[in-house]
Amino acid sequence: MVTLETTVLLAGIVKPMKIVAGTFRVQPGTRARFFEEVAPMVATSLEEPGCRVYAFTPDPVDPDLIRLYELWDHQEALDQHFASEHMAAWKERAASLPVMSREIMCYTVTDARPLG
């Protein structure tokens, strides 16, 4: 369960968690190639300080849709992730992938509770 108590406290200031979520639409039949290319970047990202979840997952209905979900302790951790060497390498590899479109959003989490 993620709560405000699980966010990082620095100098008495609560730093909201960040969720990055989105989708990638790949050319038909190229989803496996996308996952092969992204796997090393995901593994390295999961080792970064402040990274709680980092996942690219196949949509269960649409074979050409890939879903992205990331959970970060705070904005600074996400900023460090974007500035990392492995992200620069990923951007170079990703440029050659058959991605037709992508939509990615960043959300600020100020509260969370279990559903149900």
N, C-alpha and C. Protein backbone atom coordinates (compact mmCIF):
# COMPACT_ATOMS: atom_id res chain seq x y z
N MET A 1 0.84 -1.18 0.00
CA MET A 1 0.00 0.00 0.00
C MET A 1 0.88 1.24 0.00
N VAL A 2 0.59 2.16 -0.84
CA VAL A 2 1.32 3.42 -0.93
C VAL A 2 0.52 4.47 -0.19
N THR A 3 1.14 5.13 0.77
CA THR A 3 0.49 6.20 1.51
C THR A 3 1.43 7.38 1.57
N LEU A 4 0.95 8.49 2.07
CA LEU A 4 1.83 9.63 2.26
C LEU A 4 2.97 9.28 3.20
N GLU A 5 2.72 8.36 4.12
CA GLU A 5 3.79 7.96 5.03
C GLU A 5 4.94 7.27 4.31
N THR A 6 4.67 6.72 3.13
CA THR A 6 5.73 6.03 2.38
C THR A 6 6.48 6.96 1.44
N THR A 7 6.06 8.21 1.36
CA THR A 7 6.81 9.15 0.53
C THR A 7 8.07 9.57 1.27
N VAL A 8 8.97 10.17 0.56
CA VAL A 8 10.25 10.56 1.14
C VAL A 8 10.09 11.88 1.87
N LEU A 9 10.63 11.93 3.07
CA LEU A 9 10.62 13.17 3.85
C LEU A 9 12.02 13.75 3.86
N LEU A 10 12.18 14.95 3.34
CA LEU A 10 13.46 15.63 3.34
C LEU A 10 13.26 17.02 3.91
N ALA A 11 14.03 17.38 4.92
CA ALA A 11 13.95 18.71 5.53
C ALA A 11 12.52 19.04 5.96
N GLY A 12 11.77 18.02 6.40
CA GLY A 12 10.43 18.24 6.88
C GLY A 12 9.39 18.48 5.80
N ILE A 13 9.75 18.30 4.53
CA ILE A 13 8.83 18.54 3.42
C ILE A 13 8.44 17.20 2.81
N VAL A 14 7.16 16.98 2.67
CA VAL A 14 6.70 15.77 1.99
C VAL A 14 6.88 15.97 0.50
N LYS A 15 7.54 15.03 -0.13
CA LYS A 15 7.74 15.09 -1.58
C LYS A 15 6.79 14.08 -2.21
N PRO A 16 5.84 14.54 -2.97
CA PRO A 16 4.86 13.62 -3.57
C PRO A 16 5.53 12.62 -4.51
N MET A 17 4.95 11.43 -4.52
CA MET A 17 5.42 10.39 -5.44
C MET A 17 4.98 10.76 -6.86
N LYS A 18 5.62 10.14 -7.83
CA LYS A 18 5.31 10.36 -9.25
C LYS A 18 4.93 9.05 -9.91
N ILE A 19 3.88 9.09 -10.70
CA ILE A 19 3.49 7.96 -11.54
C ILE A 19 3.67 8.40 -12.99
N VAL A 20 4.35 7.58 -13.76
CA VAL A 20 4.47 7.78 -15.19
C VAL A 20 3.68 6.64 -15.83
N ALA A 21 2.73 6.98 -16.67
CA ALA A 21 1.89 5.96 -17.30
C ALA A 21 1.61 6.34 -18.74
N GLY A 22 1.56 5.33 -19.58
CA GLY A 22 1.29 5.63 -20.98
C GLY A 22 1.19 4.39 -21.83
N THR A 23 1.16 4.64 -23.13
CA THR A 23 1.06 3.55 -24.10
C THR A 23 2.00 3.80 -25.28
N PHE A 24 2.43 2.71 -25.87
CA PHE A 24 3.20 2.73 -27.10
C PHE A 24 2.44 1.86 -28.10
N ARG A 25 2.21 2.36 -29.28
CA ARG A 25 1.62 1.56 -30.36
C ARG A 25 2.74 1.22 -31.33
N VAL A 26 2.98 -0.08 -31.51
CA VAL A 26 4.04 -0.52 -32.41
C VAL A 26 3.43 -1.07 -33.70
N GLN A 27 4.26 -1.13 -34.72
CA GLN A 27 3.81 -1.69 -35.99
C GLN A 27 3.41 -3.15 -35.77
N PRO A 28 2.40 -3.62 -36.47
CA PRO A 28 1.94 -5.00 -36.30
C PRO A 28 3.09 -6.00 -36.40
N GLY A 29 3.11 -6.92 -35.45
CA GLY A 29 4.09 -7.99 -35.45
C GLY A 29 5.45 -7.63 -34.87
N THR A 30 5.61 -6.45 -34.28
CA THR A 30 6.93 -6.03 -33.79
C THR A 30 7.01 -5.92 -32.27
N ARG A 31 5.96 -6.35 -31.57
CA ARG A 31 5.95 -6.22 -30.11
C ARG A 31 7.11 -6.97 -29.47
N ALA A 32 7.41 -8.17 -29.92
CA ALA A 32 8.51 -8.95 -29.33
C ALA A 32 9.84 -8.22 -29.46
N ARG A 33 10.07 -7.61 -30.60
CA ARG A 33 11.31 -6.83 -30.80
C ARG A 33 11.38 -5.67 -29.82
N PHE A 34 10.26 -4.98 -29.61
CA PHE A 34 10.23 -3.87 -28.67
C PHE A 34 10.64 -4.36 -27.28
N PHE A 35 10.06 -5.47 -26.82
CA PHE A 35 10.38 -5.98 -25.49
C PHE A 35 11.83 -6.42 -25.37
N GLU A 36 12.39 -6.99 -26.42
CA GLU A 36 13.81 -7.37 -26.40
C GLU A 36 14.70 -6.15 -26.21
N GLU A 37 14.37 -5.08 -26.89
CA GLU A 37 15.18 -3.85 -26.82
C GLU A 37 15.02 -3.13 -25.48
N VAL A 38 13.82 -3.14 -24.92
CA VAL A 38 13.55 -2.36 -23.71
C VAL A 38 14.00 -3.09 -22.43
N ALA A 39 14.11 -4.40 -22.46
CA ALA A 39 14.40 -5.18 -21.25
C ALA A 39 15.65 -4.73 -20.50
N PRO A 40 16.79 -4.48 -21.15
CA PRO A 40 17.97 -4.04 -20.39
C PRO A 40 17.76 -2.69 -19.70
N MET A 41 17.06 -1.77 -20.35
CA MET A 41 16.81 -0.47 -19.74
C MET A 41 15.90 -0.60 -18.53
N VAL A 42 14.89 -1.46 -18.62
CA VAL A 42 13.98 -1.67 -17.49
C VAL A 42 14.75 -2.25 -16.31
N ALA A 43 15.58 -3.25 -16.56
CA ALA A 43 16.34 -3.89 -15.47
C ALA A 43 17.23 -2.87 -14.76
N THR A 44 17.89 -2.01 -15.51
CA THR A 44 18.77 -1.00 -14.92
C THR A 44 17.95 0.05 -14.18
N SER A 45 16.83 0.45 -14.73
CA SER A 45 15.97 1.45 -14.09
C SER A 45 15.46 0.96 -12.74
N LEU A 46 15.12 -0.31 -12.65
CA LEU A 46 14.62 -0.87 -11.40
C LEU A 46 15.65 -0.83 -10.28
N GLU A 47 16.92 -0.70 -10.62
CA GLU A 47 17.98 -0.61 -9.62
C GLU A 47 18.24 0.82 -9.16
N GLU A 48 17.62 1.80 -9.81
CA GLU A 48 17.86 3.19 -9.47
C GLU A 48 17.22 3.56 -8.13
N PRO A 49 17.89 4.43 -7.36
CA PRO A 49 17.28 4.91 -6.12
C PRO A 49 15.97 5.63 -6.43
N GLY A 50 14.94 5.32 -5.66
CA GLY A 50 13.67 5.98 -5.81
C GLY A 50 12.72 5.34 -6.80
N CYS A 51 13.17 4.30 -7.51
CA CYS A 51 12.30 3.60 -8.46
C CYS A 51 11.63 2.44 -7.74
N ARG A 52 10.31 2.48 -7.67
CA ARG A 52 9.56 1.40 -7.02
C ARG A 52 8.99 0.41 -8.03
N VAL A 53 8.53 0.91 -9.16
CA VAL A 53 7.98 0.06 -10.22
C VAL A 53 8.40 0.64 -11.56
N TYR A 54 8.76 -0.23 -12.48
CA TYR A 54 9.09 0.19 -13.85
C TYR A 54 8.69 -0.97 -14.74
N ALA A 55 7.62 -0.81 -15.49
CA ALA A 55 7.12 -1.95 -16.25
C ALA A 55 6.54 -1.54 -17.60
N PHE A 56 6.95 -2.26 -18.63
CA PHE A 56 6.30 -2.23 -19.92
C PHE A 56 5.55 -3.56 -20.01
N THR A 57 4.26 -3.51 -20.32
CA THR A 57 3.47 -4.73 -20.36
C THR A 57 2.64 -4.78 -21.64
N PRO A 58 2.43 -5.98 -22.17
CA PRO A 58 1.59 -6.10 -23.36
C PRO A 58 0.12 -5.91 -22.99
N ASP A 59 -0.60 -5.21 -23.83
CA ASP A 59 -2.04 -5.10 -23.64
C ASP A 59 -2.64 -6.48 -23.86
N PRO A 60 -3.57 -6.93 -23.01
CA PRO A 60 -4.10 -8.29 -23.17
C PRO A 60 -5.05 -8.47 -24.36
N VAL A 61 -5.50 -7.38 -24.96
CA VAL A 61 -6.46 -7.47 -26.06
C VAL A 61 -5.85 -7.02 -27.39
N ASP A 62 -5.07 -5.96 -27.35
CA ASP A 62 -4.50 -5.37 -28.56
C ASP A 62 -3.04 -5.80 -28.71
N PRO A 63 -2.70 -6.62 -29.69
CA PRO A 63 -1.33 -7.14 -29.81
C PRO A 63 -0.28 -6.10 -30.21
N ASP A 64 -0.73 -4.91 -30.59
CA ASP A 64 0.21 -3.88 -31.01
C ASP A 64 0.31 -2.73 -30.00
N LEU A 65 -0.28 -2.92 -28.83
CA LEU A 65 -0.28 -1.89 -27.80
C LEU A 65 0.54 -2.35 -26.60
N ILE A 66 1.43 -1.49 -26.15
CA ILE A 66 2.28 -1.76 -24.98
C ILE A 66 1.99 -0.68 -23.95
N ARG A 67 1.82 -1.11 -22.71
CA ARG A 67 1.51 -0.18 -21.63
C ARG A 67 2.74 0.05 -20.77
N LEU A 68 2.92 1.29 -20.34
CA LEU A 68 4.03 1.69 -19.48
C LEU A 68 3.49 2.12 -18.13
N TYR A 69 4.14 1.67 -17.05
CA TYR A 69 3.78 2.11 -15.70
C TYR A 69 5.06 2.22 -14.88
N GLU A 70 5.26 3.40 -14.29
CA GLU A 70 6.42 3.63 -13.42
C GLU A 70 5.91 4.29 -12.14
N LEU A 71 6.56 3.97 -11.02
CA LEU A 71 6.27 4.62 -9.75
C LEU A 71 7.59 5.06 -9.13
N TRP A 72 7.69 6.35 -8.84
CA TRP A 72 8.92 6.95 -8.32
C TRP A 72 8.66 7.62 -6.98
N ASP A 73 9.64 7.58 -6.09
CA ASP A 73 9.50 8.17 -4.75
C ASP A 73 9.25 9.68 -4.80
N HIS A 74 9.84 10.37 -5.77
CA HIS A 74 9.70 11.82 -5.87
C HIS A 74 10.27 12.29 -7.20
N GLN A 75 10.05 13.55 -7.50
CA GLN A 75 10.47 14.14 -8.79
C GLN A 75 11.98 14.06 -8.98
N GLU A 76 12.74 14.27 -7.92
CA GLU A 76 14.21 14.23 -8.05
C GLU A 76 14.69 12.88 -8.54
N ALA A 77 14.08 11.81 -8.06
CA ALA A 77 14.46 10.47 -8.52
C ALA A 77 14.14 10.31 -10.00
N LEU A 78 12.99 10.81 -10.41
CA LEU A 78 12.62 10.74 -11.82
C LEU A 78 13.56 11.58 -12.68
N ASP A 79 13.93 12.76 -12.19
CA ASP A 79 14.88 13.61 -12.92
C ASP A 79 16.22 12.91 -13.09
N GLN A 80 16.70 12.24 -12.05
CA GLN A 80 17.97 11.52 -12.13
C GLN A 80 17.87 10.38 -13.14
N HIS A 81 16.72 9.74 -13.17
CA HIS A 81 16.49 8.66 -14.14
C HIS A 81 16.62 9.19 -15.57
N PHE A 82 15.97 10.31 -15.86
CA PHE A 82 16.03 10.88 -17.21
C PHE A 82 17.43 11.34 -17.58
N ALA A 83 18.24 11.69 -16.59
CA ALA A 83 19.60 12.17 -16.85
C ALA A 83 20.63 11.03 -16.88
N SER A 84 20.20 9.79 -16.67
CA SER A 84 21.12 8.66 -16.57
C SER A 84 21.68 8.25 -17.94
N GLU A 85 22.83 7.59 -17.89
CA GLU A 85 23.47 7.09 -19.12
C GLU A 85 22.62 6.03 -19.80
N HIS A 86 22.00 5.16 -19.01
CA HIS A 86 21.21 4.09 -19.64
C HIS A 86 19.95 4.65 -20.33
N MET A 87 19.43 5.79 -19.85
CA MET A 87 18.30 6.40 -20.55
C MET A 87 18.76 7.03 -21.87
N ALA A 88 19.94 7.62 -21.86
CA ALA A 88 20.48 8.18 -23.11
C ALA A 88 20.68 7.06 -24.13
N ALA A 89 21.21 5.93 -23.68
CA ALA A 89 21.40 4.79 -24.58
C ALA A 89 20.05 4.25 -25.08
N TRP A 90 19.06 4.21 -24.18
CA TRP A 90 17.74 3.74 -24.58
C TRP A 90 17.13 4.65 -25.65
N LYS A 91 17.28 5.96 -25.49
CA LYS A 91 16.71 6.89 -26.47
C LYS A 91 17.30 6.65 -27.85
N GLU A 92 18.58 6.33 -27.90
CA GLU A 92 19.22 6.03 -29.20
C GLU A 92 18.64 4.75 -29.79
N ARG A 93 18.52 3.69 -28.96
CA ARG A 93 17.96 2.43 -29.45
C ARG A 93 16.50 2.59 -29.85
N ALA A 94 15.75 3.33 -29.05
CA ALA A 94 14.31 3.49 -29.29
C ALA A 94 14.03 4.21 -30.60
N ALA A 95 14.94 5.05 -31.03
CA ALA A 95 14.73 5.80 -32.28
C ALA A 95 14.61 4.86 -33.48
N SER A 96 15.19 3.68 -33.39
CA SER A 96 15.13 2.75 -34.52
C SER A 96 13.99 1.73 -34.39
N LEU A 97 13.22 1.81 -33.32
CA LEU A 97 12.13 0.86 -33.14
C LEU A 97 10.89 1.28 -33.92
N PRO A 98 10.07 0.30 -34.31
CA PRO A 98 8.88 0.59 -35.12
C PRO A 98 7.70 1.08 -34.27
N VAL A 99 7.91 2.15 -33.53
CA VAL A 99 6.84 2.74 -32.71
C VAL A 99 6.05 3.71 -33.58
N MET A 100 4.76 3.49 -33.68
CA MET A 100 3.90 4.33 -34.51
C MET A 100 3.41 5.55 -33.73
N SER A 101 3.18 5.36 -32.42
CA SER A 101 2.75 6.48 -31.59
C SER A 101 3.02 6.14 -30.13
N ARG A 102 3.04 7.18 -29.32
CA ARG A 102 3.17 6.98 -27.89
C ARG A 102 2.49 8.13 -27.17
N GLU A 103 1.92 7.81 -26.03
CA GLU A 103 1.30 8.80 -25.16
C GLU A 103 1.76 8.49 -23.75
N ILE A 104 2.44 9.44 -23.13
CA ILE A 104 2.97 9.23 -21.78
C ILE A 104 2.63 10.44 -20.93
N MET A 105 2.14 10.18 -19.74
CA MET A 105 1.76 11.23 -18.80
C MET A 105 2.51 11.01 -17.49
N CYS A 106 2.74 12.11 -16.76
CA CYS A 106 3.33 12.05 -15.43
C CYS A 106 2.31 12.60 -14.45
N TYR A 107 2.04 11.84 -13.40
CA TYR A 107 1.05 12.21 -12.39
C TYR A 107 1.73 12.42 -11.05
N THR A 108 1.26 13.40 -10.30
CA THR A 108 1.75 13.66 -8.95
C THR A 108 0.79 13.00 -7.97
N VAL A 109 1.33 12.18 -7.08
CA VAL A 109 0.52 11.45 -6.12
C VAL A 109 0.60 12.13 -4.77
N THR A 110 -0.52 12.63 -4.30
CA THR A 110 -0.55 13.26 -2.98
C THR A 110 -1.32 12.43 -1.98
N ASP A 111 -2.01 11.39 -2.46
CA ASP A 111 -2.76 10.52 -1.57
C ASP A 111 -2.98 9.19 -2.27
N ALA A 112 -3.01 8.13 -1.51
CA ALA A 112 -3.30 6.80 -2.07
C ALA A 112 -3.94 5.95 -0.98
N ARG A 113 -4.83 5.06 -1.40
CA ARG A 113 -5.49 4.16 -0.47
C ARG A 113 -5.88 2.89 -1.22
N PRO A 114 -6.02 1.81 -0.49
CA PRO A 114 -6.45 0.56 -1.15
C PRO A 114 -7.88 0.69 -1.66
N LEU A 115 -8.16 0.04 -2.75
CA LEU A 115 -9.52 -0.02 -3.27
C LEU A 115 -10.21 -1.26 -2.72
N GLY A 116 -11.48 -1.13 -2.47
CA GLY A 116 -12.28 -2.29 -2.08
C GLY A 116 -12.36 -2.58 -0.63
